[in-house]
Amino acid sequence: MRDTRNRLKAAALELFLDQGFARTTIGAIEKKAGLLPRSGGFYRHFDSKAAVALAIAQEDIIERQEEFDLTSLFPLGETRAELLLIARGYLRANERQKKVYPLIQELRILNVLGDFEQSANDGMLDWLKRWVASKPAGRGLADAELSALTLNALGALLFLTTKTLQGIEVPGLSTELFVDRWADHWAETLDNSVEHQI
């Protein structure tokens, strides 16, 4: 049963990447997976084409906390080292997502990912906010202020990874240099209390 489900997911992903989500039919997915088209085999595993796309997103596309492997490593006791691990996690996810980026965009436009993507983003933001709250600059901040600080700290990194996914590079800027300077800046900022920053 699991093997057939995985074959359907693999076939759907290949077809979605080749011809797009909207132009892929369930019959084509069944045929590509080695099932008899229009026999109902697909529906034993997924309710709809959107359901298989969501399964692919959940398991293969969206950033996952376990991909960052941060919980078991933190606290390291050094903010800069922790920032470098966060950056590496996002860059790893970025590399994995490159080949499927056009599909991600199509699924967003068609609102196939909807609640799932929002939930995944909320989960990552909550984890990152807890991490920022453990730093001197984040201690005691109201939730809105903590969200603002967290998004400011990560915004440039997320901008860089998004532009990289889009195939847009900043001339003369290496990712290594960017991450190094980003980690220096935010380690200094986060390691100082808000009173010292005023």
Protein backbone atom coordinates (compact mmCIF):
# COMPACT_ATOMS: atom_id res chain seq x y z
CA MET A 1 0.00 0.00 0.00
CA ARG A 2 2.75 2.46 1.03
CA ASP A 3 4.76 1.61 -2.09
CA THR A 4 1.82 2.48 -4.36
CA ARG A 5 1.27 5.74 -2.48
CA ASN A 6 4.94 6.64 -2.90
CA ARG A 7 4.82 5.74 -6.61
CA LEU A 8 1.79 7.99 -7.04
CA LYS A 9 3.58 10.84 -5.24
CA ALA A 10 6.73 10.39 -7.33
CA ALA A 11 4.72 10.23 -10.56
CA ALA A 12 2.68 13.28 -9.60
CA LEU A 13 5.79 15.28 -8.70
CA GLU A 14 7.47 14.41 -12.00
CA LEU A 15 4.36 15.34 -13.98
CA PHE A 16 3.75 18.51 -11.98
CA LEU A 17 7.33 19.61 -12.68
CA ASP A 18 7.13 18.69 -16.37
CA GLN A 19 3.73 20.10 -17.26
CA GLY A 20 2.46 21.95 -14.21
CA PHE A 21 -0.13 21.09 -11.59
CA ALA A 22 -3.11 22.49 -13.51
CA ARG A 23 -2.36 20.53 -16.69
CA THR A 24 -1.68 17.20 -14.98
CA THR A 25 -4.59 14.77 -14.86
CA ILE A 26 -5.19 12.06 -12.32
CA GLY A 27 -5.25 9.52 -15.16
CA ALA A 28 -1.76 10.64 -16.20
CA ILE A 29 -0.54 10.25 -12.62
CA GLU A 30 -1.99 6.74 -12.43
CA LYS A 31 -0.41 5.76 -15.75
CA LYS A 32 3.00 7.19 -14.78
CA ALA A 33 2.81 5.29 -11.46
CA GLY A 34 2.15 2.02 -13.29
CA LEU A 35 -1.55 1.83 -12.46
CA LEU A 36 -4.38 1.37 -14.88
CA PRO A 37 -5.59 4.91 -15.71
CA ARG A 38 -9.06 5.80 -14.46
CA SER A 39 -9.31 2.56 -12.48
CA GLY A 40 -9.68 4.32 -9.12
CA GLY A 41 -6.27 3.25 -7.83
CA PHE A 42 -5.32 6.86 -7.19
CA TYR A 43 -8.35 7.41 -4.95
CA ARG A 44 -7.38 4.57 -2.62
CA HIS A 45 -4.50 6.81 -1.51
CA PHE A 46 -5.55 10.41 -2.19
CA ASP A 47 -8.89 12.20 -2.30
CA SER A 48 -7.83 14.58 -5.07
CA LYS A 49 -4.98 15.97 -7.10
CA ALA A 50 -4.68 18.74 -4.50
CA ALA A 51 -4.31 16.07 -1.78
CA VAL A 52 -1.32 14.47 -3.52
CA ALA A 53 0.20 17.93 -4.05
CA LEU A 54 -0.26 18.67 -0.36
CA ALA A 55 1.36 15.33 0.59
CA ILE A 56 4.32 16.17 -1.63
CA ALA A 57 4.58 19.61 -0.02
CA GLN A 58 4.35 18.24 3.52
CA GLU A 59 6.95 15.56 2.97
CA ASP A 60 9.26 16.94 0.32
CA ILE A 61 8.99 20.70 -0.22
CA ILE A 62 8.32 22.94 2.79
CA GLU A 63 11.04 23.69 5.35
CA ARG A 64 10.86 21.35 8.30
CA GLN A 65 12.16 21.96 11.81
CA GLU A 66 13.83 18.54 11.84
CA GLU A 67 15.75 19.58 8.73
CA PHE A 68 17.41 22.26 10.80
CA ASP A 69 18.22 19.77 13.59
CA LEU A 70 18.40 22.74 15.95
CA THR A 71 16.45 21.62 18.99
CA SER A 72 18.98 18.95 19.90
CA LEU A 73 21.88 21.35 19.39
CA PHE A 74 20.62 24.43 21.23
CA PRO A 75 21.62 26.13 23.28
CA LEU A 76 25.22 26.08 22.07
CA GLY A 77 26.04 29.01 24.29
CA GLU A 78 27.17 31.15 21.37
CA THR A 79 24.60 33.14 19.44
CA ARG A 80 26.77 33.45 16.33
CA ALA A 81 27.20 29.66 16.08
CA GLU A 82 23.45 29.21 16.49
CA LEU A 83 22.78 31.79 13.76
CA LEU A 84 25.15 29.93 11.44
CA LEU A 85 23.21 26.71 12.06
CA ILE A 86 19.93 28.49 11.30
CA ALA A 87 21.43 29.90 8.08
CA ARG A 88 22.71 26.47 7.04
CA GLY A 89 19.27 24.97 7.66
CA TYR A 90 17.60 27.54 5.43
CA LEU A 91 20.29 27.17 2.76
CA ARG A 92 19.87 23.35 2.81
CA ALA A 93 16.10 23.73 2.42
CA ASN A 94 16.74 26.24 -0.36
CA GLU A 95 18.92 23.77 -2.28
CA ARG A 96 16.28 21.06 -1.94
CA GLN A 97 13.55 23.42 -3.09
CA LYS A 98 15.34 24.81 -6.17
CA LYS A 99 14.15 22.11 -8.56
CA VAL A 100 10.55 22.40 -7.37
CA TYR A 101 10.32 26.18 -7.04
CA PRO A 102 8.09 26.69 -10.10
CA LEU A 103 5.71 24.08 -8.66
CA ILE A 104 5.73 25.81 -5.26
CA GLN A 105 4.79 29.07 -6.95
CA GLU A 106 1.98 27.45 -8.97
CA LEU A 107 0.58 25.74 -5.86
CA ARG A 108 0.65 29.08 -4.02
CA ILE A 109 -1.15 30.88 -6.84
CA LEU A 110 -3.81 28.15 -6.95
CA ASN A 111 -3.99 28.23 -3.12
CA VAL A 112 -3.41 24.48 -2.91
CA LEU A 113 -1.04 24.80 0.05
CA GLY A 114 -3.22 27.31 1.94
CA ASP A 115 -3.60 26.37 5.58
CA PHE A 116 -0.74 23.87 5.53
CA GLU A 117 1.85 26.41 4.41
CA GLN A 118 0.56 28.96 6.93
CA SER A 119 0.74 26.35 9.70
CA ALA A 120 4.29 25.33 8.72
CA ASN A 121 5.39 28.98 8.63
CA ASP A 122 3.72 29.68 11.98
CA GLY A 123 5.48 26.68 13.52
CA MET A 124 8.89 27.84 12.32
CA LEU A 125 8.21 31.42 13.44
CA ASP A 126 7.12 30.23 16.89
CA TRP A 127 10.28 28.16 17.27
CA LEU A 128 12.48 31.05 16.10
CA LYS A 129 10.67 33.50 18.40
CA ARG A 130 11.34 31.22 21.38
CA TRP A 131 14.99 31.14 20.38
CA VAL A 132 15.18 34.96 20.04
CA ALA A 133 13.35 35.32 23.40
CA SER A 134 16.21 33.37 25.03
CA LYS A 135 18.69 36.07 23.96
CA PRO A 136 19.28 39.27 25.98
CA ALA A 137 17.68 41.49 23.30
CA GLY A 138 14.55 39.32 23.23
CA ARG A 139 13.98 38.76 26.94
CA GLY A 140 10.78 40.23 28.28
CA LEU A 141 9.53 41.58 24.94
CA ALA A 142 5.81 41.63 24.21
CA ASP A 143 4.77 39.15 21.51
CA ALA A 144 4.45 41.79 18.77
CA GLU A 145 7.89 43.21 19.60
CA LEU A 146 9.38 39.72 19.69
CA SER A 147 7.84 38.94 16.28
CA ALA A 148 9.25 42.19 14.89
CA LEU A 149 12.74 41.46 16.23
CA THR A 150 12.66 37.86 14.95
CA LEU A 151 11.50 38.85 11.48
CA ASN A 152 14.07 41.64 11.32
CA ALA A 153 16.82 39.23 12.32
CA LEU A 154 15.81 36.64 9.73
CA GLY A 155 14.42 38.90 7.02
CA ALA A 156 17.65 39.45 5.13
CA LEU A 157 18.48 35.74 5.19
CA LEU A 158 15.01 34.84 3.91
CA PHE A 159 15.26 37.53 1.23
CA LEU A 160 18.57 36.07 0.04
CA THR A 161 17.23 32.51 -0.07
CA THR A 162 14.07 33.62 -1.90
CA LYS A 163 16.06 35.54 -4.52
CA THR A 164 18.36 32.52 -4.96
CA LEU A 165 15.30 30.30 -5.54
CA GLN A 166 14.12 32.79 -8.15
CA GLY A 167 17.51 32.60 -9.86
CA ILE A 168 18.38 36.19 -8.99
CA GLU A 169 21.87 36.71 -7.61
CA VAL A 170 23.42 39.83 -6.16
CA PRO A 171 26.48 40.61 -8.30
CA GLY A 172 29.72 40.31 -6.38
CA LEU A 173 28.14 38.88 -3.22
CA SER A 174 28.92 35.36 -2.15
CA THR A 175 26.50 33.51 0.09
CA GLU A 176 29.36 32.71 2.47
CA LEU A 177 30.26 36.39 2.88
CA PHE A 178 26.62 37.37 3.35
CA VAL A 179 26.01 34.68 6.00
CA ASP A 180 29.24 35.60 7.81
CA ARG A 181 28.34 39.31 8.02
CA TRP A 182 24.70 38.56 8.84
CA ALA A 183 25.71 36.27 11.72
CA ASP A 184 28.20 38.86 13.05
CA HIS A 185 25.60 41.64 13.01
CA TRP A 186 22.73 39.70 14.55
CA ALA A 187 24.88 37.95 17.16
CA GLU A 188 26.02 41.35 18.41
CA THR A 189 22.46 42.71 18.31
CA LEU A 190 20.83 39.73 20.00
CA ASP A 191 23.52 39.38 22.66
CA ASN A 192 22.88 42.93 23.91
CA SER A 193 19.84 43.84 25.95
CA VAL A 194 17.34 46.31 24.54
CA GLU A 195 18.40 48.94 27.10
CA HIS A 196 21.93 48.88 25.68
CA GLN A 197 20.66 49.29 22.11
CA ILE A 198 18.88 52.59 22.78
